[in-house]
Protein backbone atom coordinates (compact mmCIF):
# COMPACT_ATOMS: atom_id res chain seq x y z
CA MET A 1 61.06 95.70 90.19
CA SER A 2 61.15 92.16 91.46
CA GLU A 3 63.37 91.00 94.30
CA ILE A 4 65.56 89.08 91.87
CA ASP A 5 66.13 92.07 89.66
CA LEU A 6 67.06 94.25 92.65
CA GLU A 7 69.42 91.65 93.87
CA TRP A 8 71.09 91.51 90.46
CA VAL A 9 71.58 95.22 90.37
CA ILE A 10 73.01 95.22 93.84
CA ASN A 11 75.43 92.37 93.06
CA TYR A 12 76.45 93.30 89.53
CA GLY A 13 75.40 96.90 88.97
CA PHE A 14 78.64 98.57 89.99
CA ALA A 15 80.73 96.13 87.97
CA ALA A 16 78.53 96.71 84.87
CA VAL A 17 78.87 100.41 85.18
CA VAL A 18 82.66 100.21 85.56
CA VAL A 19 82.88 97.94 82.52
CA VAL A 20 80.74 100.25 80.33
CA TYR A 21 82.89 103.22 81.46
CA LEU A 22 86.14 101.41 80.68
CA LEU A 23 84.98 100.22 77.32
CA ALA A 24 83.92 103.75 76.38
CA ARG A 25 87.34 105.06 77.34
CA PHE A 26 89.22 102.23 75.61
CA GLU A 27 87.32 102.77 72.34
CA GLY A 28 88.72 106.30 71.98
CA ILE A 29 92.28 105.11 72.87
CA VAL A 30 92.12 102.33 70.22
CA LYS A 31 90.91 104.79 67.61
CA ASP A 32 93.72 107.16 68.38
CA MET A 33 96.31 104.30 68.28
CA THR A 34 94.92 103.03 64.95
CA ARG A 35 95.22 106.58 63.51
CA GLN A 36 98.81 106.89 64.74
CA ILE A 37 99.80 103.50 63.30
CA ARG A 38 98.42 104.57 59.93
CA LEU A 39 100.37 107.82 60.13
CA ASN A 40 103.51 105.97 61.07
CA THR A 41 103.02 103.69 58.09
CA ILE A 42 102.70 106.62 55.71
CA VAL A 43 105.81 108.33 57.12
CA LEU A 44 107.88 105.19 56.98
CA ALA A 45 106.86 104.56 53.37
CA ARG A 46 107.81 108.06 52.36
CA VAL A 47 111.17 107.98 54.19
CA THR A 48 112.08 104.64 52.63
CA ARG A 49 110.77 105.85 49.23
CA GLN A 50 108.31 102.98 48.86
CA ASP A 51 104.95 103.17 47.13
CA LEU A 52 102.35 103.17 49.88
CA THR A 53 99.64 101.59 47.72
CA LYS A 54 101.96 98.79 46.79
CA VAL A 55 102.85 98.12 50.43
CA GLU A 56 99.12 98.12 51.38
CA ARG A 57 98.36 95.64 48.54
CA GLU A 58 101.11 93.31 49.67
CA PHE A 59 99.98 93.19 53.28
CA THR A 60 96.56 92.53 54.80
CA PHE A 61 94.86 94.95 57.20
CA ASN A 62 96.21 93.23 60.31
CA GLY A 63 99.83 93.26 59.08
CA GLU A 64 100.16 89.62 58.06
CA GLU A 65 101.63 88.97 54.63
CA LYS A 66 99.28 87.71 51.98
CA LYS A 67 100.18 84.29 50.70
């Protein structure tokens, strides 16, 4: 390992490890939140007696109305 590589690991190694750890943790959290939002959408559609497929067709994936 060259002196430059060793210096990079010393300077940025800990930060890189922390970032990788946090991204791995956040990925699971985001998946759980996405699943919960989908479930809430289904429940709300049923409670309000709306057709879920119709609602999904009228709105895009990110919740913005189609024009």
